[in-house]
N, C-alpha and C. Protein backbone atom coordinates (compact mmCIF):
# COMPACT_ATOMS: atom_id res chain seq x y z
N MET A 1 70.06 95.56 135.99
CA MET A 1 71.18 95.76 136.90
C MET A 1 72.45 95.20 136.24
N GLU A 2 73.51 95.97 136.29
CA GLU A 2 74.76 95.58 135.64
C GLU A 2 75.87 95.50 136.68
N VAL A 3 76.58 94.40 136.65
CA VAL A 3 77.71 94.21 137.56
C VAL A 3 78.98 94.38 136.75
N LYS A 4 79.82 95.32 137.15
CA LYS A 4 81.05 95.59 136.41
C LYS A 4 82.17 94.72 136.98
N ILE A 5 82.91 94.09 136.07
CA ILE A 5 84.03 93.23 136.45
C ILE A 5 85.29 93.78 135.79
N ASN A 6 86.35 93.88 136.55
CA ASN A 6 87.60 94.38 136.01
C ASN A 6 88.13 93.42 134.94
N LYS A 7 88.82 93.97 133.94
CA LYS A 7 89.38 93.15 132.87
C LYS A 7 90.46 92.21 133.38
N GLU A 8 91.19 92.62 134.40
CA GLU A 8 92.25 91.77 134.93
C GLU A 8 91.69 90.47 135.50
N ILE A 9 90.51 90.53 136.07
CA ILE A 9 89.91 89.33 136.66
C ILE A 9 89.50 88.35 135.57
N ARG A 10 89.03 88.85 134.44
CA ARG A 10 88.64 87.97 133.34
C ARG A 10 89.83 87.26 132.73
N GLU A 11 90.98 87.87 132.76
CA GLU A 11 92.18 87.28 132.17
C GLU A 11 93.01 86.50 133.19
N TYR A 12 92.47 86.19 134.32
CA TYR A 12 93.20 85.47 135.36
C TYR A 12 93.45 84.02 134.94
N THR A 13 94.67 83.57 135.11
CA THR A 13 95.01 82.17 134.86
C THR A 13 95.68 81.61 136.09
N GLU A 14 95.33 80.40 136.41
CA GLU A 14 95.89 79.77 137.60
C GLU A 14 97.28 79.23 137.29
N SER A 15 98.23 79.54 138.17
CA SER A 15 99.60 79.08 137.94
C SER A 15 99.80 77.74 138.63
N LEU A 16 100.53 76.86 137.99
CA LEU A 16 100.76 75.52 138.51
C LEU A 16 102.14 75.39 139.13
N PHE A 17 103.16 75.81 138.38
CA PHE A 17 104.53 75.64 138.84
C PHE A 17 105.35 76.83 138.40
N MET A 18 105.93 77.55 139.33
CA MET A 18 106.77 78.72 139.07
C MET A 18 106.07 79.76 138.20
N GLY A 19 104.80 79.96 138.39
CA GLY A 19 104.05 80.98 137.66
C GLY A 19 103.60 80.55 136.27
N LEU A 20 103.80 79.29 135.91
CA LEU A 20 103.40 78.80 134.60
C LEU A 20 102.05 78.08 134.70
N THR A 21 101.28 78.15 133.64
CA THR A 21 100.02 77.42 133.60
C THR A 21 100.31 75.96 133.27
N MET A 22 99.28 75.13 133.33
CA MET A 22 99.44 73.71 133.03
C MET A 22 99.93 73.52 131.59
N ARG A 23 99.37 74.27 130.68
CA ARG A 23 99.76 74.18 129.28
C ARG A 23 101.23 74.57 129.10
N GLN A 24 101.64 75.67 129.71
CA GLN A 24 103.02 76.12 129.60
C GLN A 24 103.99 75.13 130.22
N CYS A 25 103.61 74.55 131.36
CA CYS A 25 104.46 73.53 132.01
C CYS A 25 104.64 72.32 131.11
N PHE A 26 103.54 71.83 130.54
CA PHE A 26 103.59 70.64 129.69
C PHE A 26 104.51 70.87 128.49
N PHE A 27 104.33 71.99 127.79
CA PHE A 27 105.14 72.24 126.60
C PHE A 27 106.58 72.61 126.96
N SER A 28 106.83 73.17 128.13
CA SER A 28 108.20 73.43 128.57
C SER A 28 108.93 72.11 128.82
N VAL A 29 108.26 71.19 129.49
CA VAL A 29 108.85 69.87 129.74
C VAL A 29 109.10 69.15 128.41
N LEU A 30 108.15 69.25 127.49
CA LEU A 30 108.31 68.63 126.18
C LEU A 30 109.49 69.23 125.42
N ALA A 31 109.67 70.54 125.48
CA ALA A 31 110.79 71.21 124.81
C ALA A 31 112.12 70.78 125.44
N CYS A 32 112.16 70.72 126.76
CA CYS A 32 113.39 70.28 127.45
C CYS A 32 113.71 68.83 127.12
N ALA A 33 112.70 67.98 127.10
CA ALA A 33 112.92 66.56 126.80
C ALA A 33 113.44 66.40 125.37
N THR A 34 112.91 67.16 124.45
CA THR A 34 113.38 67.11 123.05
C THR A 34 114.83 67.55 122.96
N ALA A 35 115.17 68.63 123.65
CA ALA A 35 116.54 69.13 123.61
C ALA A 35 117.52 68.13 124.22
N VAL A 36 117.14 67.54 125.35
CA VAL A 36 118.03 66.57 126.02
C VAL A 36 118.21 65.33 125.15
N MET A 37 117.13 64.84 124.56
CA MET A 37 117.21 63.66 123.71
C MET A 37 118.13 63.92 122.51
N LEU A 38 117.95 65.06 121.86
CA LEU A 38 118.80 65.40 120.73
C LEU A 38 120.25 65.60 121.14
N TYR A 39 120.46 66.13 122.32
CA TYR A 39 121.82 66.33 122.80
C TYR A 39 122.55 65.00 122.91
N PHE A 40 121.91 64.02 123.55
CA PHE A 40 122.57 62.74 123.73
C PHE A 40 122.70 61.95 122.42
N LEU A 41 121.82 62.19 121.46
CA LEU A 41 121.91 61.52 120.18
C LEU A 41 123.00 62.11 119.28
N CYS A 42 123.24 63.42 119.39
CA CYS A 42 124.12 64.10 118.43
C CYS A 42 125.48 64.50 118.99
N ILE A 43 125.70 64.45 120.29
CA ILE A 43 126.94 65.00 120.87
C ILE A 43 128.18 64.27 120.37
N ASP A 44 128.10 62.98 120.19
CA ASP A 44 129.29 62.23 119.77
C ASP A 44 129.64 62.45 118.30
N THR A 45 128.66 62.65 117.47
CA THR A 45 128.93 62.76 116.04
C THR A 45 129.12 64.19 115.56
N LEU A 46 128.39 65.15 116.13
CA LEU A 46 128.42 66.51 115.59
C LEU A 46 129.24 67.51 116.39
N GLY A 47 129.59 67.20 117.61
CA GLY A 47 130.35 68.13 118.43
C GLY A 47 129.43 69.00 119.28
N THR A 48 130.02 69.73 120.20
CA THR A 48 129.24 70.48 121.19
C THR A 48 128.51 71.68 120.59
N GLU A 49 129.20 72.46 119.79
CA GLU A 49 128.59 73.69 119.29
C GLU A 49 127.41 73.42 118.36
N LEU A 50 127.59 72.57 117.39
CA LEU A 50 126.52 72.26 116.45
C LEU A 50 125.35 71.57 117.15
N THR A 51 125.67 70.70 118.10
CA THR A 51 124.62 70.01 118.85
C THR A 51 123.79 70.99 119.67
N SER A 52 124.44 71.97 120.28
CA SER A 52 123.68 72.94 121.07
C SER A 52 122.74 73.76 120.19
N TRP A 53 123.17 74.13 118.99
CA TRP A 53 122.30 74.85 118.07
C TRP A 53 121.12 73.99 117.63
N ILE A 54 121.37 72.74 117.33
CA ILE A 54 120.29 71.84 116.93
C ILE A 54 119.29 71.67 118.06
N CYS A 55 119.77 71.55 119.29
CA CYS A 55 118.87 71.41 120.45
C CYS A 55 117.98 72.63 120.62
N MET A 56 118.57 73.82 120.48
CA MET A 56 117.77 75.04 120.63
C MET A 56 116.74 75.17 119.52
N ILE A 57 117.15 74.89 118.29
CA ILE A 57 116.22 75.01 117.17
C ILE A 57 115.09 74.00 117.28
N ALA A 58 115.39 72.80 117.77
CA ALA A 58 114.35 71.78 117.91
C ALA A 58 113.40 72.07 119.07
N ALA A 59 113.87 72.77 120.09
CA ALA A 59 113.04 73.04 121.27
C ALA A 59 112.11 74.24 121.07
N VAL A 60 112.46 75.14 120.18
CA VAL A 60 111.67 76.37 119.99
C VAL A 60 110.22 76.10 119.59
N PRO A 61 109.92 75.22 118.64
CA PRO A 61 108.50 75.01 118.29
C PRO A 61 107.66 74.50 119.46
N PHE A 62 108.22 73.62 120.26
CA PHE A 62 107.47 73.10 121.40
C PHE A 62 107.25 74.17 122.46
N ALA A 63 108.25 75.00 122.67
CA ALA A 63 108.09 76.10 123.63
C ALA A 63 107.07 77.11 123.11
N ALA A 64 107.08 77.37 121.82
CA ALA A 64 106.13 78.32 121.24
C ALA A 64 104.70 77.81 121.37
N LEU A 65 104.50 76.51 121.25
CA LEU A 65 103.15 75.95 121.39
C LEU A 65 102.55 76.27 122.76
N GLY A 66 103.38 76.33 123.77
CA GLY A 66 102.87 76.58 125.12
C GLY A 66 102.72 78.05 125.46
N PHE A 67 103.54 78.91 124.88
CA PHE A 67 103.58 80.29 125.33
C PHE A 67 102.94 81.30 124.38
N VAL A 68 102.87 81.01 123.10
CA VAL A 68 102.38 81.99 122.13
C VAL A 68 100.86 82.07 122.18
N LYS A 69 100.37 83.30 122.28
CA LYS A 69 98.94 83.59 122.18
C LYS A 69 98.80 84.84 121.34
N TYR A 70 97.90 84.77 120.36
CA TYR A 70 97.68 85.92 119.48
C TYR A 70 96.18 86.11 119.34
N GLN A 71 95.70 87.26 119.73
CA GLN A 71 94.28 87.61 119.70
C GLN A 71 93.43 86.55 120.41
N GLY A 72 93.93 86.06 121.52
CA GLY A 72 93.19 85.11 122.33
C GLY A 72 93.22 83.68 121.81
N MET A 73 94.00 83.42 120.76
CA MET A 73 94.08 82.07 120.20
C MET A 73 95.41 81.43 120.59
N THR A 74 95.37 80.12 120.84
CA THR A 74 96.60 79.38 121.11
C THR A 74 97.30 79.07 119.79
N SER A 75 98.47 78.50 119.87
CA SER A 75 99.25 78.21 118.66
C SER A 75 98.54 77.25 117.73
N GLU A 76 97.89 76.23 118.30
CA GLU A 76 97.18 75.26 117.45
C GLU A 76 96.03 75.93 116.72
N GLN A 77 95.31 76.81 117.40
CA GLN A 77 94.20 77.51 116.77
C GLN A 77 94.70 78.45 115.66
N ILE A 78 95.84 79.10 115.90
CA ILE A 78 96.43 79.97 114.88
C ILE A 78 96.79 79.15 113.65
N ALA A 79 97.45 78.00 113.87
CA ALA A 79 97.86 77.15 112.75
C ALA A 79 96.65 76.61 112.01
N PHE A 80 95.62 76.19 112.74
CA PHE A 80 94.42 75.66 112.10
C PHE A 80 93.72 76.73 111.27
N ASN A 81 93.59 77.93 111.83
CA ASN A 81 92.93 79.01 111.09
C ASN A 81 93.74 79.44 109.87
N ALA A 82 95.07 79.46 110.00
CA ALA A 82 95.91 79.80 108.85
C ALA A 82 95.78 78.74 107.76
N LEU A 83 95.79 77.47 108.15
CA LEU A 83 95.63 76.40 107.18
C LEU A 83 94.27 76.47 106.50
N ARG A 84 93.24 76.69 107.28
CA ARG A 84 91.89 76.75 106.74
C ARG A 84 91.74 77.94 105.79
N SER A 85 92.26 79.10 106.17
CA SER A 85 92.06 80.28 105.33
C SER A 85 92.96 80.27 104.10
N LEU A 86 94.15 79.71 104.20
CA LEU A 86 95.07 79.73 103.06
C LEU A 86 94.85 78.58 102.09
N LEU A 87 94.52 77.40 102.59
CA LEU A 87 94.45 76.24 101.71
C LEU A 87 93.04 75.73 101.47
N LEU A 88 92.28 75.59 102.53
CA LEU A 88 90.99 74.92 102.40
C LEU A 88 89.90 75.81 101.83
N THR A 89 89.90 77.08 102.17
CA THR A 89 88.86 77.98 101.67
C THR A 89 89.47 79.01 100.72
N TYR A 90 90.30 78.52 99.82
CA TYR A 90 90.98 79.40 98.87
C TYR A 90 89.98 79.90 97.84
N THR A 91 89.98 81.19 97.65
CA THR A 91 89.16 81.78 96.60
C THR A 91 90.05 82.66 95.74
N ASP A 92 89.84 82.59 94.46
CA ASP A 92 90.63 83.39 93.54
C ASP A 92 90.06 84.79 93.49
N LEU A 93 90.81 85.75 93.97
CA LEU A 93 90.36 87.13 94.00
C LEU A 93 90.81 87.83 92.73
N THR A 94 89.86 88.36 91.99
CA THR A 94 90.19 89.10 90.78
C THR A 94 89.88 90.56 90.99
N TYR A 95 90.72 91.39 90.44
CA TYR A 95 90.55 92.83 90.59
C TYR A 95 89.73 93.34 89.40
N GLN A 96 88.62 93.97 89.70
CA GLN A 96 87.80 94.57 88.67
C GLN A 96 87.70 96.07 88.97
N PRO A 97 88.39 96.87 88.19
CA PRO A 97 88.39 98.31 88.48
C PRO A 97 87.01 98.92 88.26
N TYR A 98 86.73 99.91 89.06
CA TYR A 98 85.44 100.60 88.97
C TYR A 98 85.73 102.09 88.98
N ASN A 99 85.42 102.75 87.89
CA ASN A 99 85.67 104.18 87.76
C ASN A 99 84.39 104.92 88.17
N PHE A 100 84.39 105.41 89.36
CA PHE A 100 83.21 106.07 89.92
C PHE A 100 82.89 107.34 89.14
N TYR A 101 83.91 108.09 88.78
CA TYR A 101 83.70 109.34 88.03
C TYR A 101 83.06 109.04 86.67
N TYR A 102 83.54 108.02 85.99
CA TYR A 102 82.99 107.66 84.69
C TYR A 102 81.51 107.27 84.81
N GLU A 103 81.18 106.51 85.85
CA GLU A 103 79.79 106.10 86.03
C GLU A 103 78.88 107.31 86.27
N LEU A 104 79.40 108.31 86.98
CA LEU A 104 78.60 109.51 87.22
C LEU A 104 78.41 110.33 85.95
N MET A 105 79.43 110.39 85.14
CA MET A 105 79.41 111.27 83.97
C MET A 105 79.06 110.53 82.67
N LYS A 106 78.68 109.27 82.75
CA LYS A 106 78.40 108.47 81.56
C LYS A 106 77.31 109.09 80.68
N GLU A 107 76.23 109.52 81.29
CA GLU A 107 75.12 110.09 80.52
C GLU A 107 75.55 111.38 79.82
N LYS A 108 76.32 112.18 80.49
CA LYS A 108 76.77 113.43 79.89
C LYS A 108 77.67 113.16 78.67
N HIS A 109 78.57 112.18 78.80
CA HIS A 109 79.44 111.83 77.68
C HIS A 109 78.65 111.30 76.49
N LYS A 110 77.63 110.50 76.76
CA LYS A 110 76.80 109.97 75.67
C LYS A 110 76.06 111.10 74.95
N ARG A 111 75.54 112.04 75.74
CA ARG A 111 74.85 113.19 75.14
C ARG A 111 75.79 113.99 74.26
N GLU A 112 77.00 114.24 74.75
CA GLU A 112 77.98 115.02 73.98
C GLU A 112 78.35 114.32 72.68
N GLU A 113 78.50 113.00 72.71
CA GLU A 113 78.84 112.25 71.50
C GLU A 113 77.70 112.30 70.48
N ARG A 114 76.47 112.18 70.97
CA ARG A 114 75.31 112.28 70.08
C ARG A 114 75.26 113.66 69.41
N GLU A 115 75.55 114.70 70.19
CA GLU A 115 75.55 116.07 69.64
C GLU A 115 76.64 116.25 68.60
N LYS A 116 77.82 115.63 68.84
CA LYS A 116 78.91 115.74 67.88
C LYS A 116 78.53 115.05 66.58
N LYS A 117 77.91 113.88 66.66
CA LYS A 117 77.49 113.17 65.46
C LYS A 117 76.42 113.99 64.71
N HIS A 118 75.53 114.57 65.48
CA HIS A 118 74.47 115.37 64.88
C HIS A 118 75.06 116.61 64.19
N ASP A 119 76.06 117.24 64.79
CA ASP A 119 76.70 118.41 64.19
C ASP A 119 77.45 118.04 62.91
N LYS A 120 78.06 116.88 62.87
CA LYS A 120 78.79 116.46 61.69
C LYS A 120 77.85 116.23 60.50
N LYS A 121 76.66 115.72 60.80
CA LYS A 121 75.70 115.48 59.74
C LYS A 121 75.21 116.79 59.12
N LEU A 122 75.13 117.82 59.94
CA LEU A 122 74.66 119.11 59.42
C LEU A 122 75.76 119.76 58.63
């Protein structure tokens, strides 16, 4: 007996605050806190425009940690898999060409060369 479940039900996530999940809320607060802290540290020395750009650039990675999902993986899993595949399990790939036509016709070419040598001797 098979019970069919809609795909939408499997992808259901519980919202905590304003439609955000717990993970998204945590990283949103962390991004906002980073931006506010940098704002108060840099506003007197760098000016308003440059400080606002620095705040946005500093908040983006924290916001991405909470919201980015790729093929069912969170940002940390993506970073870990990229690190593992690029650095830890590095294998040197060498290209070795394979001529399929030559492999099929190798015997015929050998026979023809033997015949040419035999004809030259005669």
